[in-house]
Amino acid sequence: MAKKKAKQKKKAFRLTSSLRQHKQVGKSLIPPMLTIPGVTPQSWTSDRLPQMLWACLVISVLPRRDALAVFREIASIGLRYRDAEGTGDWTLFHSRLPSLPGEILTHITRVITQHPLGYAALRPLLLFDGLPGRDQWARALDVQPQGGDSQTLSDAVLKVLDHQSQEATDVRWLSLLFKAALGALHFPVALKEPAEELMEYPNKGDMRAVRPFIRAGEMSLAMLLPSDNSWSTTFWKECLDNTVCHPAGLPRPPGPEYDQIASIKLIQQVHGTLLGHWFNTLDTTAVDAKHDAVFGLGFYGLAVLIEMIVGRSGLGITGRALLRTLLECQQFPESDKAQEPPRHPGCLFVHIKATLPRSLARLAVLMSGVARSSVAPKGRTPLSAAALLRVVRSGFATLPDDRPDDVDRA
């Protein structure tokens, strides 16, 4: 009874909605979240990143410590309008700033340009003809865009493109801090500690918990605000029309941290040891399903490993698939002690649950190919394929499955 209740409780909590929970409107299926009145779907990349572009440039150009100090001082202007009427929908978004009191934009540009890198951070904004309040930004900065501003813009967007990146989290913290200064955030007593961590970010609390709290809070507030994505659409359109797409540089490892030649020789030694062990444990010319499956997977794993090393697949797509293959071929338990007594006391392993010691005895056996079993006698059903299938299934059975128990579709 207790197990049944626990299972029902586990099913009650799910991160995704089933098809039955969607509402059909014509030919469209509306998820439950979008049926809540007053909730607007939001995307960091598509919507809020362009709206906070000025802050994204600041966190990208200025040293992080200086940028956070600038953000804190900018947010403090909200204290002048704390609890004032009509400030509930105030944000530091580009599309909202022109309609706010003029001193707010003046305060933003003054605080940023006091830093030696401030003008370099804000100049890329003037590259956009459709920037909301562009004339106000141009008068406040009183500079012209320069040749390297496009690269500055590209670097900044790349850093904040991931909504969970450190730079994006810092910008999202600024949005929360400004709302808190306006008096629009109220925390219950139970959330006193998270509230203090938010105010003193990043100097208090475990960042593994504080950063998700910031992102969740900023996203929740954004979903309750009136949606105006005209500037966001214009931003991405102007970027597409006026800039050249350059593939981002992918970090490459400096080189293999192992001796390739020595590794190949070691694998050859292991192969020779395994081959010799196969002969030593072979006690029948008939089909031995377990014996053939264990050694077959062992030789197969060595073949995959040698292909990974020789082919330098660590830099290719196939590397992940080959690593997954090795995981699926794993046949040794964590313990060094066999779970069942081997049939041959002097053998390394002759059954599925045996282990291979880390110290290998070198045998003078050449790497001459994979050992094969003799043909099964006529009239006898070959069992090797079935045994191999059971081994593979048992390996998959131990892998964790992150899907919920009651998935509608696989």
Protein backbone atom coordinates (compact mmCIF):
# COMPACT_ATOMS: atom_id res chain seq x y z
CA MET A 1 0.00 0.00 0.00
CA ALA A 2 2.83 2.36 0.90
CA LYS A 3 4.59 1.62 -2.38
CA LYS A 4 1.41 2.37 -4.31
CA LYS A 5 0.99 5.75 -2.59
CA ALA A 6 4.64 6.61 -3.19
CA LYS A 7 4.24 5.78 -6.86
CA GLN A 8 1.10 7.90 -7.11
CA LYS A 9 2.87 10.79 -5.38
CA LYS A 10 5.79 10.48 -7.78
CA LYS A 11 3.43 10.58 -10.75
CA ALA A 12 1.69 13.67 -9.37
CA PHE A 13 4.88 15.73 -9.78
CA ARG A 14 6.02 16.15 -13.34
CA LEU A 15 7.97 18.81 -15.20
CA THR A 16 6.11 18.36 -18.45
CA SER A 17 2.44 18.36 -19.43
CA SER A 18 0.79 15.44 -21.18
CA LEU A 19 -1.20 15.74 -24.39
CA ARG A 20 -4.43 15.32 -22.42
CA GLN A 21 -3.63 18.48 -20.45
CA HIS A 22 -3.40 20.60 -23.61
CA LYS A 23 -6.42 22.58 -24.75
CA GLN A 24 -7.37 22.25 -28.39
CA VAL A 25 -8.26 25.50 -30.13
CA GLY A 26 -9.00 24.78 -33.75
CA LYS A 27 -5.95 22.95 -35.08
CA SER A 28 -3.67 24.20 -32.29
CA LEU A 29 -2.87 22.61 -28.93
CA ILE A 30 -2.44 25.18 -26.15
CA PRO A 31 -0.28 24.05 -23.20
CA PRO A 32 -1.67 24.58 -19.68
CA MET A 33 0.73 27.43 -18.88
CA LEU A 34 -0.58 29.57 -21.74
CA THR A 35 -4.17 29.23 -20.55
CA ILE A 36 -3.42 31.21 -17.36
CA PRO A 37 -4.79 34.78 -17.71
CA GLY A 38 -2.17 37.51 -17.74
CA VAL A 39 0.78 35.20 -18.46
CA THR A 40 2.85 35.97 -21.56
CA PRO A 41 5.43 33.44 -22.84
CA GLN A 42 8.92 34.88 -22.80
CA SER A 43 12.26 33.87 -24.27
CA TRP A 44 15.58 35.18 -23.01
CA THR A 45 17.30 34.93 -26.38
CA SER A 46 14.44 36.16 -28.55
CA ASP A 47 12.89 38.76 -26.25
CA ARG A 48 14.76 39.91 -23.16
CA LEU A 49 18.36 39.76 -24.38
CA PRO A 50 17.78 42.52 -26.97
CA GLN A 51 15.76 44.50 -24.42
CA MET A 52 18.72 44.51 -22.01
CA LEU A 53 21.36 44.91 -24.70
CA TRP A 54 22.99 47.91 -23.01
CA ALA A 55 23.55 45.84 -19.84
CA CYS A 56 24.81 42.87 -21.88
CA LEU A 57 27.44 45.13 -23.43
CA VAL A 58 28.47 46.44 -20.01
CA ILE A 59 28.92 42.98 -18.47
CA SER A 60 30.89 41.90 -21.54
CA VAL A 61 33.28 44.86 -21.78
CA LEU A 62 33.84 45.90 -18.17
CA PRO A 63 35.53 43.63 -15.64
CA ARG A 64 32.83 41.70 -13.81
CA ARG A 65 33.48 43.29 -10.42
CA ASP A 66 33.22 46.78 -11.94
CA ALA A 67 30.16 45.86 -14.00
CA LEU A 68 28.27 44.57 -10.96
CA ALA A 69 29.12 47.75 -9.04
CA VAL A 70 27.76 49.78 -11.98
CA PHE A 71 24.58 47.67 -12.03
CA ARG A 72 24.06 48.19 -8.32
CA GLU A 73 24.40 51.96 -8.65
CA ILE A 74 22.07 52.07 -11.67
CA ALA A 75 19.39 50.07 -9.86
CA SER A 76 19.55 52.45 -6.88
CA ILE A 77 17.74 55.15 -8.85
CA GLY A 78 14.61 53.11 -8.36
CA LEU A 79 14.64 54.16 -4.69
CA ARG A 80 13.64 57.69 -5.74
CA TYR A 81 10.39 56.32 -7.14
CA ARG A 82 9.83 53.62 -4.53
CA ASP A 83 6.16 52.78 -4.02
CA ALA A 84 5.13 55.57 -6.40
CA GLU A 85 2.00 55.07 -8.47
CA GLY A 86 2.36 53.81 -12.01
CA THR A 87 5.75 52.17 -11.52
CA GLY A 88 4.49 48.58 -11.47
CA ASP A 89 5.44 47.94 -15.11
CA TRP A 90 8.70 49.90 -15.08
CA THR A 91 11.72 48.03 -16.41
CA LEU A 92 15.16 48.88 -17.75
CA PHE A 93 14.21 47.49 -21.17
CA HIS A 94 15.17 49.48 -24.25
CA SER A 95 11.54 49.69 -25.35
CA ARG A 96 10.50 51.03 -21.92
CA LEU A 97 13.27 53.53 -21.15
CA PRO A 98 12.06 56.32 -23.51
CA SER A 99 8.74 56.49 -21.65
CA LEU A 100 10.34 56.66 -18.18
CA PRO A 101 11.52 59.91 -16.56
CA GLY A 102 14.46 61.26 -18.54
CA GLU A 103 16.76 61.25 -15.53
CA ILE A 104 16.78 57.45 -15.53
CA LEU A 105 18.45 57.16 -18.95
CA THR A 106 20.75 60.04 -18.02
CA HIS A 107 21.65 58.25 -14.81
CA ILE A 108 22.42 55.02 -16.71
CA THR A 109 24.74 56.65 -19.23
CA ARG A 110 26.45 58.81 -16.60
CA VAL A 111 27.24 55.89 -14.30
CA ILE A 112 28.53 53.71 -17.14
CA THR A 113 30.63 56.36 -18.87
CA GLN A 114 32.40 57.20 -15.62
CA HIS A 115 34.26 53.93 -16.13
CA PRO A 116 37.24 54.11 -18.55
CA LEU A 117 35.61 51.43 -20.73
CA GLY A 118 32.11 52.86 -20.51
CA TYR A 119 31.99 54.57 -23.90
CA ALA A 120 33.44 51.48 -25.60
CA ALA A 121 30.66 49.44 -24.01
CA LEU A 122 27.77 51.65 -25.13
CA ARG A 123 28.97 52.77 -28.58
CA PRO A 124 27.68 49.58 -30.33
CA LEU A 125 24.11 50.65 -29.47
CA LEU A 126 24.37 53.43 -32.05
CA LEU A 127 24.85 50.84 -34.81
CA PHE A 128 21.10 50.19 -34.73
CA ASP A 129 18.82 52.61 -36.53
CA GLY A 130 15.74 51.08 -34.92
CA LEU A 131 17.02 51.39 -31.33
CA PRO A 132 14.21 52.79 -29.12
CA GLY A 133 15.18 56.28 -27.96
CA ARG A 134 18.25 56.28 -30.22
CA ASP A 135 18.36 60.09 -30.28
CA GLN A 136 18.45 60.18 -26.48
CA TRP A 137 21.28 57.63 -26.39
CA ALA A 138 23.18 59.57 -29.09
CA ARG A 139 22.86 62.88 -27.20
CA ALA A 140 23.89 61.28 -23.90
CA LEU A 141 26.96 59.57 -25.39
CA ASP A 142 27.92 62.25 -27.97
CA VAL A 143 30.16 59.83 -29.86
CA GLN A 144 30.13 58.03 -33.20
CA PRO A 145 30.42 54.27 -33.73
CA GLN A 146 33.90 52.99 -34.50
CA GLY A 147 35.24 50.14 -36.57
CA GLY A 148 35.59 47.61 -33.77
CA ASP A 149 32.12 48.14 -32.31
CA SER A 150 30.59 45.36 -34.40
CA GLN A 151 33.05 42.87 -32.92
CA THR A 152 32.29 44.18 -29.42
CA LEU A 153 28.61 43.61 -30.07
CA SER A 154 29.25 40.10 -31.40
CA ASP A 155 31.36 39.13 -28.39
CA ALA A 156 28.75 40.46 -25.97
CA VAL A 157 25.85 38.62 -27.58
CA LEU A 158 27.85 35.40 -27.67
CA LYS A 159 28.53 35.62 -23.93
CA VAL A 160 24.90 36.15 -22.93
CA LEU A 161 23.25 33.96 -25.56
CA ASP A 162 22.97 31.11 -23.08
CA HIS A 163 20.34 32.18 -20.54
CA GLN A 164 22.21 30.30 -17.79
CA SER A 165 25.63 31.81 -18.47
CA GLN A 166 27.30 33.87 -15.77
CA GLU A 167 27.00 37.09 -17.80
CA ALA A 168 23.31 36.51 -18.60
CA THR A 169 22.59 35.76 -14.93
CA ASP A 170 24.27 39.03 -13.90
CA VAL A 171 22.10 41.00 -16.32
CA ARG A 172 18.97 39.24 -15.10
CA TRP A 173 19.98 40.07 -11.53
CA LEU A 174 20.00 43.76 -12.49
CA SER A 175 16.38 43.51 -13.63
CA LEU A 176 15.38 42.00 -10.28
CA LEU A 177 17.41 44.54 -8.32
CA PHE A 178 15.73 47.46 -10.07
CA LYS A 179 12.26 46.03 -9.34
CA ALA A 180 13.27 45.55 -5.72
CA ALA A 181 14.39 49.19 -5.50
CA LEU A 182 11.00 50.27 -6.86
CA GLY A 183 9.32 48.30 -4.09
CA ALA A 184 7.75 45.86 -6.55
CA LEU A 185 9.29 42.77 -4.88
CA HIS A 186 7.97 41.53 -1.57
CA PHE A 187 9.38 38.46 0.16
CA PRO A 188 7.73 36.53 3.00
CA VAL A 189 9.65 35.94 6.20
CA ALA A 190 10.38 32.39 5.11
CA LEU A 191 12.40 33.77 2.17
CA LYS A 192 14.43 36.23 4.21
CA GLU A 193 17.68 34.40 3.51
CA PRO A 194 17.19 34.21 -0.30
CA ALA A 195 16.17 37.88 -0.29
CA GLU A 196 19.40 38.86 1.48
CA GLU A 197 21.41 36.72 -0.94
CA LEU A 198 19.74 38.54 -3.82
CA MET A 199 20.58 41.96 -2.40
CA GLU A 200 24.19 41.02 -1.61
CA TYR A 201 24.82 39.02 -4.79
CA PRO A 202 27.41 37.64 -5.52
CA ASN A 203 29.01 37.95 -2.08
CA LYS A 204 26.59 35.88 -0.04
CA GLY A 205 25.16 32.39 -0.30
CA ASP A 206 25.87 29.33 -2.37
CA MET A 207 25.90 30.47 -5.98
CA ARG A 208 24.64 27.05 -7.07
CA ALA A 209 21.35 28.00 -5.41
CA VAL A 210 21.43 31.81 -5.75
CA ARG A 211 21.89 31.90 -9.53
CA PRO A 212 18.90 29.62 -10.27
CA PHE A 213 16.83 31.71 -7.83
CA ILE A 214 17.74 34.86 -9.78
CA ARG A 215 16.91 33.34 -13.14
CA ALA A 216 13.59 31.92 -11.94
CA GLY A 217 12.58 35.23 -10.34
CA GLU A 218 13.49 37.32 -13.38
CA MET A 219 11.66 34.98 -15.72
CA SER A 220 8.55 34.96 -13.52
CA LEU A 221 8.38 38.75 -13.45
CA ALA A 222 8.91 39.00 -17.20
CA MET A 223 5.95 36.71 -17.86
CA LEU A 224 3.66 39.05 -15.91
CA LEU A 225 4.73 42.22 -17.71
CA PRO A 226 3.09 43.63 -20.85
CA SER A 227 4.80 42.19 -23.90
CA ASP A 228 6.34 44.52 -26.50
CA ASN A 229 8.74 42.57 -28.71
CA SER A 230 8.97 45.04 -31.57
CA TRP A 231 12.52 46.08 -30.65
CA SER A 232 13.61 42.49 -30.12
CA THR A 233 12.42 41.59 -33.61
CA THR A 234 14.10 44.68 -35.05
CA PHE A 235 17.36 43.88 -33.28
CA TRP A 236 17.70 40.40 -34.72
CA LYS A 237 16.58 41.59 -38.17
CA GLU A 238 19.19 44.36 -38.28
CA CYS A 239 21.86 41.95 -37.08
CA LEU A 240 20.95 39.57 -39.89
CA ASP A 241 20.86 42.30 -42.56
CA ASN A 242 23.86 44.42 -41.52
CA THR A 243 26.40 42.01 -40.09
CA VAL A 244 28.34 39.05 -41.41
CA CYS A 245 27.82 35.68 -39.77
CA HIS A 246 31.09 34.30 -38.42
CA PRO A 247 31.17 30.82 -36.91
CA ALA A 248 32.06 31.01 -33.26
CA GLY A 249 35.46 29.56 -32.44
CA LEU A 250 35.13 26.25 -30.65
CA PRO A 251 37.66 25.52 -27.90
CA ARG A 252 40.03 22.82 -29.01
CA PRO A 253 42.03 20.67 -26.62
CA PRO A 254 45.75 21.45 -26.71
CA GLY A 255 46.48 17.87 -27.70
CA PRO A 256 46.25 14.34 -26.38
CA GLU A 257 47.47 13.99 -22.82
CA TYR A 258 48.52 10.42 -23.49
CA ASP A 259 51.26 8.75 -25.47
CA GLN A 260 49.47 7.38 -28.50
CA ILE A 261 52.16 4.86 -29.42
CA ALA A 262 52.46 3.57 -25.86
CA SER A 263 48.67 3.30 -25.60
CA ILE A 264 48.46 1.25 -28.79
CA LYS A 265 51.18 -1.08 -27.55
CA LEU A 266 49.34 -1.48 -24.24
CA ILE A 267 46.11 -2.36 -26.03
CA GLN A 268 48.03 -4.93 -28.09
CA GLN A 269 49.35 -6.44 -24.88
CA VAL A 270 45.84 -6.60 -23.44
CA HIS A 271 44.58 -8.13 -26.68
CA GLY A 272 47.31 -10.75 -26.55
CA THR A 273 46.57 -11.49 -22.91
CA LEU A 274 42.87 -11.81 -23.62
CA LEU A 275 43.52 -14.03 -26.63
CA GLY A 276 45.76 -16.32 -24.62
CA HIS A 277 43.22 -16.41 -21.83
CA TRP A 278 40.52 -17.37 -24.31
CA PHE A 279 42.56 -20.40 -25.37
CA ASN A 280 43.33 -21.36 -21.79
CA THR A 281 39.67 -21.30 -20.75
CA LEU A 282 38.32 -23.04 -23.85
CA ASP A 283 37.26 -26.50 -22.73
CA THR A 284 34.79 -27.54 -25.44
CA THR A 285 34.36 -27.43 -29.19
CA ALA A 286 30.65 -26.88 -28.75
CA VAL A 287 28.98 -23.53 -28.42
CA ASP A 288 29.52 -21.99 -24.99
CA ALA A 289 27.13 -19.05 -24.98
CA LYS A 290 28.45 -17.31 -21.90
CA HIS A 291 32.10 -17.89 -22.75
CA ASP A 292 31.64 -16.65 -26.32
CA ALA A 293 29.61 -13.61 -25.27
CA VAL A 294 32.07 -12.47 -22.60
CA PHE A 295 35.15 -12.79 -24.76
CA GLY A 296 33.34 -11.49 -27.84
CA LEU A 297 32.42 -8.30 -26.01
CA GLY A 298 35.95 -8.03 -24.66
CA PHE A 299 37.53 -8.24 -28.12
CA TYR A 300 34.87 -5.90 -29.49
CA GLY A 301 35.60 -3.33 -26.79
CA LEU A 302 39.33 -3.46 -27.56
CA ALA A 303 38.58 -2.96 -31.26
CA VAL A 304 36.46 0.10 -30.43
CA LEU A 305 39.19 1.45 -28.16
CA ILE A 306 41.93 1.07 -30.75
CA GLU A 307 39.71 2.84 -33.30
CA MET A 308 39.19 5.73 -30.90
CA ILE A 309 42.91 6.18 -30.32
CA VAL A 310 44.13 5.71 -33.89
CA GLY A 311 41.29 7.65 -35.50
CA ARG A 312 41.56 10.65 -33.12
CA SER A 313 37.78 10.50 -32.71
CA GLY A 314 38.03 12.67 -29.58
CA LEU A 315 37.61 15.67 -31.91
CA GLY A 316 34.79 14.12 -33.92
CA ILE A 317 31.14 13.25 -33.61
CA THR A 318 31.86 9.53 -33.51
CA GLY A 319 33.80 9.86 -30.26
CA ARG A 320 30.64 10.11 -28.18
CA ALA A 321 29.06 7.13 -29.94
CA LEU A 322 32.17 5.03 -29.39
CA LEU A 323 32.31 5.95 -25.70
CA ARG A 324 28.67 4.99 -25.38
CA THR A 325 29.47 1.69 -27.08
CA LEU A 326 32.22 0.98 -24.55
CA LEU A 327 29.80 1.73 -21.72
CA GLU A 328 27.29 -0.70 -23.15
CA CYS A 329 29.98 -3.36 -23.46
CA GLN A 330 31.06 -3.01 -19.84
CA GLN A 331 30.94 -6.38 -18.19
CA PHE A 332 32.93 -5.94 -15.01
CA PRO A 333 31.30 -5.02 -11.66
CA GLU A 334 32.72 -2.35 -9.38
CA SER A 335 34.07 -4.92 -6.93
CA ASP A 336 37.32 -6.74 -7.68
CA LYS A 337 35.85 -9.90 -6.21
CA ALA A 338 33.87 -12.23 -8.42
CA GLN A 339 30.24 -12.69 -7.48
CA GLU A 340 30.39 -16.36 -8.52
CA PRO A 341 33.29 -18.79 -8.21
CA PRO A 342 34.99 -19.27 -11.61
CA ARG A 343 35.02 -22.68 -13.18
CA HIS A 344 38.79 -22.44 -13.60
CA PRO A 345 40.57 -21.02 -10.50
CA GLY A 346 43.56 -19.80 -12.48
CA CYS A 347 41.59 -17.86 -15.03
CA LEU A 348 41.11 -14.12 -15.19
CA PHE A 349 37.44 -14.47 -16.06
CA VAL A 350 35.25 -17.05 -17.70
CA HIS A 351 31.78 -15.72 -16.86
CA ILE A 352 29.82 -12.50 -16.86
CA LYS A 353 30.32 -11.56 -13.23
CA ALA A 354 34.09 -12.05 -13.15
CA THR A 355 36.61 -9.20 -12.96
CA LEU A 356 39.78 -8.42 -14.84
CA PRO A 357 42.65 -7.47 -12.50
CA ARG A 358 44.42 -4.20 -13.20
CA SER A 359 47.81 -5.92 -13.41
CA LEU A 360 48.19 -7.74 -16.70
CA ALA A 361 50.59 -10.61 -17.41
CA ARG A 362 52.31 -10.02 -20.73
CA LEU A 363 52.10 -12.95 -23.13
CA ALA A 364 54.02 -13.29 -26.37
CA VAL A 365 50.87 -13.52 -28.49
CA LEU A 366 50.52 -11.40 -31.63
CA MET A 367 47.42 -9.34 -32.33
CA SER A 368 46.18 -11.75 -34.99
CA GLY A 369 42.44 -11.07 -34.93
CA VAL A 370 39.36 -11.97 -32.96
CA ALA A 371 39.07 -15.50 -31.65
CA ARG A 372 36.17 -17.47 -33.05
CA SER A 373 34.09 -20.29 -31.68
CA SER A 374 33.82 -23.57 -33.52
CA VAL A 375 30.67 -24.32 -35.49
CA ALA A 376 27.85 -25.81 -33.48
CA PRO A 377 27.05 -29.48 -34.17
CA LYS A 378 24.31 -30.17 -36.68
CA GLY A 379 20.86 -30.14 -35.16
CA ARG A 380 21.87 -27.98 -32.21
CA THR A 381 20.44 -24.48 -31.87
CA PRO A 382 23.20 -21.84 -31.71
CA LEU A 383 22.85 -19.84 -28.50
CA SER A 384 25.53 -17.19 -28.90
CA ALA A 385 23.23 -14.54 -30.40
CA ALA A 386 20.61 -14.99 -27.70
CA ALA A 387 23.25 -14.87 -24.98
CA LEU A 388 24.78 -11.73 -26.44
CA LEU A 389 21.34 -10.09 -26.57
CA ARG A 390 20.76 -10.87 -22.90
CA VAL A 391 24.14 -9.37 -21.97
CA VAL A 392 23.42 -6.16 -23.85
CA ARG A 393 19.95 -5.88 -22.30
CA SER A 394 21.31 -6.41 -18.81
CA GLY A 395 23.83 -3.63 -19.40
CA PHE A 396 21.11 -1.21 -20.50
CA ALA A 397 18.95 -2.17 -17.54
CA THR A 398 21.45 -0.66 -15.10
CA LEU A 399 21.56 2.72 -16.87
CA PRO A 400 19.41 5.45 -15.25
CA ASP A 401 16.32 6.58 -17.16
CA ASP A 402 15.60 10.29 -16.61
CA ARG A 403 12.15 10.13 -18.23
CA PRO A 404 9.02 10.16 -16.03
CA ASP A 405 7.34 6.84 -15.43
CA ASP A 406 4.12 7.69 -17.26
CA VAL A 407 5.41 9.11 -20.53
CA ASP A 408 2.83 9.25 -23.26
CA ARG A 409 5.35 9.00 -26.07
CA ALA A 410 8.92 7.74 -26.13
